[in-house]
Amino acid sequence: MRKGIYYDVISKTDSALQLYNQVLKIASVNKDTVSLAGAYNNIGLVKWNRTELEAAMQDFIQSSTLFKQLGNTYGLASAQNNIGLILYDLGRYDEALEYHKSSLKSRIERQDSYGIGASYSNIATAFSKLNQR
């Protein structure tokens, strides 16, 4: 999975997606839900950077569902935050706000100070757009 992240960072997104899809296949066979959730989240990030917003959101939703099943609040908060950012990019600010609030709740429970700051920033940005209507 880390090699896929590396490829994504250096903008070799086709290679990153190829590796993430391999992770999906292997993790599915092995019923490795943790790896599945992470791979879906990373695939969503690649698609988001390619401005494939609807496809990215579906991957983030899949990731969120799996992280929720696992009780992994860190992964869940990340996936929900990413869904909120996609919704924001799509101009669906009310929905984005709800996902960012949910992500914030998980981050507060985990005492994730960096994540809390990011969530408050995303919430403020959504509120700003809602007040501009």
N, C-alpha and C. Protein backbone atom coordinates (compact mmCIF):
# COMPACT_ATOMS: atom_id res chain seq x y z
N MET A 1 0.83 -1.18 0.00
CA MET A 1 0.00 0.00 0.00
C MET A 1 0.88 1.25 0.00
N ARG A 2 1.98 1.23 0.72
CA ARG A 2 2.85 2.41 0.80
C ARG A 2 3.45 2.77 -0.55
N LYS A 3 3.74 1.76 -1.34
CA LYS A 3 4.28 2.03 -2.67
C LYS A 3 3.24 2.77 -3.51
N GLY A 4 1.98 2.42 -3.35
CA GLY A 4 0.90 3.12 -4.05
C GLY A 4 0.84 4.58 -3.64
N ILE A 5 1.00 4.83 -2.34
CA ILE A 5 1.00 6.21 -1.85
C ILE A 5 2.16 6.97 -2.46
N TYR A 6 3.32 6.33 -2.52
CA TYR A 6 4.49 6.95 -3.13
C TYR A 6 4.20 7.33 -4.58
N TYR A 7 3.63 6.39 -5.33
CA TYR A 7 3.31 6.68 -6.73
C TYR A 7 2.31 7.83 -6.84
N ASP A 8 1.36 7.88 -5.96
CA ASP A 8 0.39 8.96 -5.98
C ASP A 8 1.08 10.30 -5.72
N VAL A 9 1.97 10.34 -4.75
CA VAL A 9 2.67 11.58 -4.39
C VAL A 9 3.52 12.09 -5.55
N ILE A 10 4.13 11.18 -6.30
CA ILE A 10 4.98 11.62 -7.42
C ILE A 10 4.19 11.69 -8.73
N SER A 11 2.87 11.67 -8.61
CA SER A 11 1.95 11.85 -9.74
C SER A 11 1.99 10.71 -10.77
N LYS A 12 2.31 9.52 -10.32
CA LYS A 12 2.18 8.33 -11.18
C LYS A 12 0.89 7.63 -10.76
N THR A 13 -0.22 8.30 -11.05
CA THR A 13 -1.50 7.84 -10.53
C THR A 13 -1.96 6.53 -11.14
N ASP A 14 -1.60 6.28 -12.40
CA ASP A 14 -1.97 4.98 -12.99
C ASP A 14 -1.30 3.84 -12.24
N SER A 15 -0.02 4.02 -11.90
CA SER A 15 0.69 3.00 -11.13
C SER A 15 0.11 2.86 -9.74
N ALA A 16 -0.25 3.98 -9.13
CA ALA A 16 -0.86 3.94 -7.80
C ALA A 16 -2.17 3.16 -7.84
N LEU A 17 -3.02 3.46 -8.81
CA LEU A 17 -4.30 2.76 -8.92
C LEU A 17 -4.11 1.27 -9.17
N GLN A 18 -3.13 0.94 -9.98
CA GLN A 18 -2.85 -0.47 -10.25
C GLN A 18 -2.48 -1.21 -8.96
N LEU A 19 -1.64 -0.61 -8.15
CA LEU A 19 -1.25 -1.23 -6.88
C LEU A 19 -2.43 -1.30 -5.91
N TYR A 20 -3.22 -0.23 -5.82
CA TYR A 20 -4.38 -0.24 -4.92
C TYR A 20 -5.39 -1.30 -5.34
N ASN A 21 -5.56 -1.47 -6.64
CA ASN A 21 -6.49 -2.51 -7.11
C ASN A 21 -5.98 -3.91 -6.79
N GLN A 22 -4.65 -4.09 -6.81
CA GLN A 22 -4.07 -5.36 -6.39
C GLN A 22 -4.34 -5.60 -4.91
N VAL A 23 -4.21 -4.53 -4.13
CA VAL A 23 -4.51 -4.64 -2.69
C VAL A 23 -5.97 -5.07 -2.50
N LEU A 24 -6.88 -4.46 -3.26
CA LEU A 24 -8.30 -4.82 -3.15
C LEU A 24 -8.52 -6.30 -3.43
N LYS A 25 -7.89 -6.81 -4.47
CA LYS A 25 -8.05 -8.23 -4.83
C LYS A 25 -7.52 -9.15 -3.73
N ILE A 26 -6.33 -8.87 -3.26
CA ILE A 26 -5.70 -9.72 -2.24
C ILE A 26 -6.47 -9.60 -0.93
N ALA A 27 -6.82 -8.38 -0.56
CA ALA A 27 -7.55 -8.18 0.70
C ALA A 27 -8.93 -8.82 0.66
N SER A 28 -9.57 -8.82 -0.50
CA SER A 28 -10.88 -9.47 -0.63
C SER A 28 -10.76 -10.97 -0.41
N VAL A 29 -9.77 -11.57 -1.02
CA VAL A 29 -9.55 -13.01 -0.86
C VAL A 29 -9.26 -13.36 0.59
N ASN A 30 -8.44 -12.53 1.23
CA ASN A 30 -8.04 -12.78 2.62
C ASN A 30 -9.02 -12.23 3.65
N LYS A 31 -10.08 -11.59 3.17
CA LYS A 31 -11.07 -10.98 4.07
C LYS A 31 -10.41 -10.01 5.04
N ASP A 32 -9.47 -9.23 4.50
CA ASP A 32 -8.72 -8.24 5.27
C ASP A 32 -9.43 -6.89 5.14
N THR A 33 -10.37 -6.65 6.01
CA THR A 33 -11.21 -5.46 5.95
C THR A 33 -10.41 -4.18 6.17
N VAL A 34 -9.40 -4.24 7.01
CA VAL A 34 -8.58 -3.06 7.27
C VAL A 34 -7.90 -2.60 5.98
N SER A 35 -7.29 -3.54 5.26
CA SER A 35 -6.62 -3.18 4.00
C SER A 35 -7.62 -2.74 2.94
N LEU A 36 -8.79 -3.37 2.91
CA LEU A 36 -9.83 -2.95 1.96
C LEU A 36 -10.23 -1.49 2.21
N ALA A 37 -10.49 -1.17 3.47
CA ALA A 37 -10.91 0.19 3.82
C ALA A 37 -9.85 1.21 3.44
N GLY A 38 -8.61 0.89 3.75
CA GLY A 38 -7.51 1.81 3.40
C GLY A 38 -7.33 1.96 1.91
N ALA A 39 -7.45 0.86 1.18
CA ALA A 39 -7.28 0.92 -0.28
C ALA A 39 -8.40 1.74 -0.92
N TYR A 40 -9.64 1.55 -0.47
CA TYR A 40 -10.73 2.36 -1.02
C TYR A 40 -10.50 3.85 -0.75
N ASN A 41 -10.04 4.18 0.45
CA ASN A 41 -9.77 5.57 0.77
C ASN A 41 -8.67 6.13 -0.15
N ASN A 42 -7.61 5.37 -0.36
CA ASN A 42 -6.52 5.83 -1.21
C ASN A 42 -6.93 5.93 -2.68
N ILE A 43 -7.75 5.00 -3.13
CA ILE A 43 -8.26 5.08 -4.50
C ILE A 43 -9.12 6.35 -4.65
N GLY A 44 -9.91 6.63 -3.64
CA GLY A 44 -10.71 7.85 -3.66
C GLY A 44 -9.85 9.10 -3.77
N LEU A 45 -8.72 9.10 -3.06
CA LEU A 45 -7.82 10.26 -3.12
C LEU A 45 -7.27 10.46 -4.53
N VAL A 46 -6.89 9.36 -5.17
CA VAL A 46 -6.37 9.45 -6.54
C VAL A 46 -7.46 9.99 -7.47
N LYS A 47 -8.65 9.43 -7.37
CA LYS A 47 -9.74 9.88 -8.24
C LYS A 47 -10.11 11.33 -7.97
N TRP A 48 -10.07 11.74 -6.71
CA TRP A 48 -10.36 13.12 -6.36
C TRP A 48 -9.35 14.05 -7.03
N ASN A 49 -8.08 13.69 -6.95
CA ASN A 49 -7.04 14.51 -7.59
C ASN A 49 -7.20 14.56 -9.11
N ARG A 50 -7.84 13.55 -9.66
CA ARG A 50 -8.12 13.52 -11.10
C ARG A 50 -9.45 14.22 -11.42
N THR A 51 -10.07 14.80 -10.42
CA THR A 51 -11.38 15.46 -10.49
C THR A 51 -12.50 14.51 -10.92
N GLU A 52 -12.36 13.25 -10.59
CA GLU A 52 -13.43 12.26 -10.79
C GLU A 52 -14.22 12.22 -9.48
N LEU A 53 -14.96 13.30 -9.23
CA LEU A 53 -15.54 13.53 -7.90
C LEU A 53 -16.57 12.48 -7.49
N GLU A 54 -17.50 12.17 -8.36
CA GLU A 54 -18.54 11.20 -7.99
C GLU A 54 -17.93 9.82 -7.74
N ALA A 55 -16.98 9.42 -8.58
CA ALA A 55 -16.33 8.12 -8.39
C ALA A 55 -15.52 8.11 -7.10
N ALA A 56 -14.84 9.21 -6.81
CA ALA A 56 -14.06 9.32 -5.58
C ALA A 56 -14.98 9.22 -4.36
N MET A 57 -16.13 9.90 -4.44
CA MET A 57 -17.04 9.86 -3.31
C MET A 57 -17.52 8.44 -3.04
N GLN A 58 -17.78 7.66 -4.09
CA GLN A 58 -18.22 6.29 -3.90
C GLN A 58 -17.14 5.46 -3.19
N ASP A 59 -15.88 5.69 -3.54
CA ASP A 59 -14.79 4.98 -2.87
C ASP A 59 -14.68 5.41 -1.40
N PHE A 60 -14.84 6.70 -1.14
CA PHE A 60 -14.80 7.18 0.25
C PHE A 60 -15.97 6.63 1.06
N ILE A 61 -17.13 6.52 0.44
CA ILE A 61 -18.29 5.95 1.14
C ILE A 61 -18.02 4.48 1.47
N GLN A 62 -17.44 3.75 0.52
CA GLN A 62 -17.10 2.34 0.78
C GLN A 62 -16.09 2.24 1.92
N SER A 63 -15.09 3.11 1.90
CA SER A 63 -14.08 3.13 2.95
C SER A 63 -14.73 3.45 4.30
N SER A 64 -15.59 4.45 4.31
CA SER A 64 -16.27 4.86 5.54
C SER A 64 -17.09 3.70 6.12
N THR A 65 -17.81 3.01 5.27
CA THR A 65 -18.63 1.88 5.71
C THR A 65 -17.77 0.80 6.36
N LEU A 66 -16.64 0.50 5.72
CA LEU A 66 -15.76 -0.55 6.25
C LEU A 66 -15.11 -0.11 7.56
N PHE A 67 -14.64 1.13 7.62
CA PHE A 67 -14.03 1.61 8.86
C PHE A 67 -15.05 1.62 10.00
N LYS A 68 -16.30 1.95 9.68
CA LYS A 68 -17.35 1.95 10.69
C LYS A 68 -17.58 0.53 11.22
N GLN A 69 -17.62 -0.46 10.31
CA GLN A 69 -17.79 -1.86 10.71
C GLN A 69 -16.66 -2.31 11.62
N LEU A 70 -15.47 -1.81 11.36
CA LEU A 70 -14.29 -2.18 12.15
C LEU A 70 -14.23 -1.45 13.50
N GLY A 71 -15.01 -0.39 13.63
CA GLY A 71 -14.90 0.43 14.83
C GLY A 71 -13.64 1.28 14.82
N ASN A 72 -13.09 1.52 13.63
CA ASN A 72 -11.86 2.28 13.47
C ASN A 72 -12.23 3.76 13.31
N THR A 73 -12.24 4.48 14.43
CA THR A 73 -12.69 5.87 14.40
C THR A 73 -11.72 6.79 13.67
N TYR A 74 -10.45 6.45 13.68
CA TYR A 74 -9.46 7.27 12.95
C TYR A 74 -9.73 7.20 11.45
N GLY A 75 -9.84 5.99 10.92
CA GLY A 75 -10.12 5.81 9.50
C GLY A 75 -11.48 6.37 9.12
N LEU A 76 -12.46 6.15 9.98
CA LEU A 76 -13.81 6.66 9.74
C LEU A 76 -13.80 8.18 9.64
N ALA A 77 -13.12 8.83 10.56
CA ALA A 77 -13.06 10.31 10.54
C ALA A 77 -12.40 10.79 9.26
N SER A 78 -11.36 10.12 8.81
CA SER A 78 -10.66 10.50 7.59
C SER A 78 -11.57 10.34 6.37
N ALA A 79 -12.23 9.20 6.28
CA ALA A 79 -13.12 8.95 5.14
C ALA A 79 -14.29 9.93 5.14
N GLN A 80 -14.87 10.20 6.31
CA GLN A 80 -15.98 11.15 6.37
C GLN A 80 -15.52 12.56 6.00
N ASN A 81 -14.34 12.92 6.44
CA ASN A 81 -13.79 14.22 6.08
C ASN A 81 -13.64 14.31 4.56
N ASN A 82 -13.13 13.25 3.95
CA ASN A 82 -12.95 13.25 2.50
C ASN A 82 -14.29 13.35 1.76
N ILE A 83 -15.30 12.67 2.27
CA ILE A 83 -16.64 12.79 1.68
C ILE A 83 -17.11 14.23 1.77
N GLY A 84 -16.91 14.84 2.93
CA GLY A 84 -17.29 16.24 3.11
C GLY A 84 -16.58 17.16 2.12
N LEU A 85 -15.31 16.91 1.88
CA LEU A 85 -14.56 17.74 0.94
C LEU A 85 -15.07 17.57 -0.49
N ILE A 86 -15.42 16.34 -0.86
CA ILE A 86 -15.99 16.10 -2.19
C ILE A 86 -17.33 16.83 -2.31
N LEU A 87 -18.18 16.69 -1.30
CA LEU A 87 -19.48 17.36 -1.32
C LEU A 87 -19.30 18.88 -1.43
N TYR A 88 -18.31 19.39 -0.74
CA TYR A 88 -18.00 20.82 -0.83
C TYR A 88 -17.65 21.18 -2.28
N ASP A 89 -16.76 20.39 -2.89
CA ASP A 89 -16.37 20.64 -4.28
C ASP A 89 -17.56 20.57 -5.23
N LEU A 90 -18.55 19.77 -4.87
CA LEU A 90 -19.76 19.64 -5.69
C LEU A 90 -20.79 20.73 -5.38
N GLY A 91 -20.48 21.60 -4.43
CA GLY A 91 -21.39 22.69 -4.07
C GLY A 91 -22.52 22.26 -3.15
N ARG A 92 -22.40 21.10 -2.55
CA ARG A 92 -23.43 20.57 -1.65
C ARG A 92 -23.00 20.84 -0.20
N TYR A 93 -23.02 22.13 0.15
CA TYR A 93 -22.43 22.60 1.40
C TYR A 93 -23.15 22.10 2.64
N ASP A 94 -24.48 21.98 2.59
CA ASP A 94 -25.22 21.46 3.75
C ASP A 94 -24.78 20.04 4.08
N GLU A 95 -24.68 19.21 3.07
CA GLU A 95 -24.26 17.83 3.28
C GLU A 95 -22.79 17.77 3.72
N ALA A 96 -21.96 18.61 3.11
CA ALA A 96 -20.55 18.65 3.48
C ALA A 96 -20.40 18.97 4.96
N LEU A 97 -21.18 19.93 5.41
CA LEU A 97 -21.13 20.35 6.81
C LEU A 97 -21.44 19.19 7.74
N GLU A 98 -22.44 18.39 7.41
CA GLU A 98 -22.81 17.25 8.26
C GLU A 98 -21.68 16.22 8.34
N TYR A 99 -21.04 15.93 7.22
CA TYR A 99 -19.91 14.99 7.25
C TYR A 99 -18.74 15.55 8.05
N HIS A 100 -18.48 16.84 7.91
CA HIS A 100 -17.37 17.44 8.67
C HIS A 100 -17.67 17.44 10.17
N LYS A 101 -18.93 17.66 10.54
CA LYS A 101 -19.30 17.60 11.96
C LYS A 101 -19.13 16.18 12.51
N SER A 102 -19.50 15.20 11.72
CA SER A 102 -19.35 13.80 12.15
C SER A 102 -17.87 13.45 12.30
N SER A 103 -17.07 13.90 11.35
CA SER A 103 -15.63 13.67 11.42
C SER A 103 -15.04 14.34 12.66
N LEU A 104 -15.48 15.57 12.93
CA LEU A 104 -15.00 16.30 14.11
C LEU A 104 -15.31 15.52 15.39
N LYS A 105 -16.51 14.97 15.48
CA LYS A 105 -16.89 14.22 16.67
C LYS A 105 -15.92 13.06 16.92
N SER A 106 -15.61 12.30 15.87
CA SER A 106 -14.67 11.18 16.01
C SER A 106 -13.29 11.69 16.40
N ARG A 107 -12.88 12.79 15.82
CA ARG A 107 -11.54 13.32 16.10
C ARG A 107 -11.44 13.84 17.54
N ILE A 108 -12.51 14.42 18.04
CA ILE A 108 -12.51 14.86 19.43
C ILE A 108 -12.41 13.65 20.36
N GLU A 109 -13.17 12.61 20.06
CA GLU A 109 -13.12 11.38 20.88
C GLU A 109 -11.72 10.79 20.91
N ARG A 110 -11.01 10.89 19.80
CA ARG A 110 -9.65 10.34 19.70
C ARG A 110 -8.58 11.31 20.21
N GLN A 111 -8.99 12.54 20.51
CA GLN A 111 -8.07 13.59 20.91
C GLN A 111 -6.99 13.83 19.84
N ASP A 112 -7.45 13.85 18.59
CA ASP A 112 -6.60 14.05 17.43
C ASP A 112 -6.51 15.55 17.15
N SER A 113 -5.54 16.22 17.76
CA SER A 113 -5.49 17.69 17.69
C SER A 113 -5.33 18.20 16.26
N TYR A 114 -4.52 17.55 15.46
CA TYR A 114 -4.38 18.00 14.06
C TYR A 114 -5.71 17.83 13.33
N GLY A 115 -6.34 16.67 13.47
CA GLY A 115 -7.61 16.41 12.81
C GLY A 115 -8.71 17.35 13.27
N ILE A 116 -8.72 17.66 14.56
CA ILE A 116 -9.71 18.59 15.10
C ILE A 116 -9.57 19.95 14.42
N GLY A 117 -8.35 20.42 14.30
CA GLY A 117 -8.10 21.71 13.63
C GLY A 117 -8.55 21.68 12.18
N ALA A 118 -8.25 20.59 11.49
CA ALA A 118 -8.66 20.46 10.08
C ALA A 118 -10.19 20.44 9.97
N SER A 119 -10.83 19.72 10.88
CA SER A 119 -12.29 19.65 10.85
C SER A 119 -12.92 21.01 11.09
N TYR A 120 -12.42 21.75 12.09
CA TYR A 120 -12.97 23.09 12.34
C TYR A 120 -12.76 24.00 11.13
N SER A 121 -11.62 23.88 10.48
CA SER A 121 -11.37 24.68 9.28
C SER A 121 -12.36 24.34 8.18
N ASN A 122 -12.62 23.05 7.97
CA ASN A 122 -13.56 22.62 6.94
C ASN A 122 -14.99 23.05 7.27
N ILE A 123 -15.34 22.98 8.55
CA ILE A 123 -16.66 23.43 8.99
C ILE A 123 -16.82 24.93 8.74
N ALA A 124 -15.80 25.69 9.07
CA ALA A 124 -15.85 27.15 8.85
C ALA A 124 -15.99 27.47 7.37
N THR A 125 -15.29 26.75 6.53
CA THR A 125 -15.37 26.98 5.08
C THR A 125 -16.77 26.68 4.57
N ALA A 126 -17.37 25.59 5.04
CA ALA A 126 -18.74 25.25 4.62
C ALA A 126 -19.73 26.30 5.10
N PHE A 127 -19.59 26.74 6.37
CA PHE A 127 -20.46 27.79 6.89
C PHE A 127 -20.33 29.07 6.06
N SER A 128 -19.11 29.39 5.68
CA SER A 128 -18.89 30.59 4.87
C SER A 128 -19.67 30.52 3.57
N LYS A 129 -19.61 29.39 2.91
CA LYS A 129 -20.34 29.23 1.63
C LYS A 129 -21.85 29.27 1.86
N LEU A 130 -22.31 28.66 2.94
CA LEU A 130 -23.75 28.66 3.23
C LEU A 130 -24.26 30.07 3.52
N ASN A 131 -23.45 30.88 4.15
CA ASN A 131 -23.85 32.26 4.47
C ASN A 131 -23.79 33.18 3.27
N GLN A 132 -23.12 32.74 2.20
CA GLN A 132 -23.00 33.57 1.00
C GLN A 132 -24.18 33.38 0.05
N ARG A 133 -25.06 32.46 0.36
CA ARG A 133 -26.21 32.18 -0.53
C ARG A 133 -27.19 33.31 -0.50
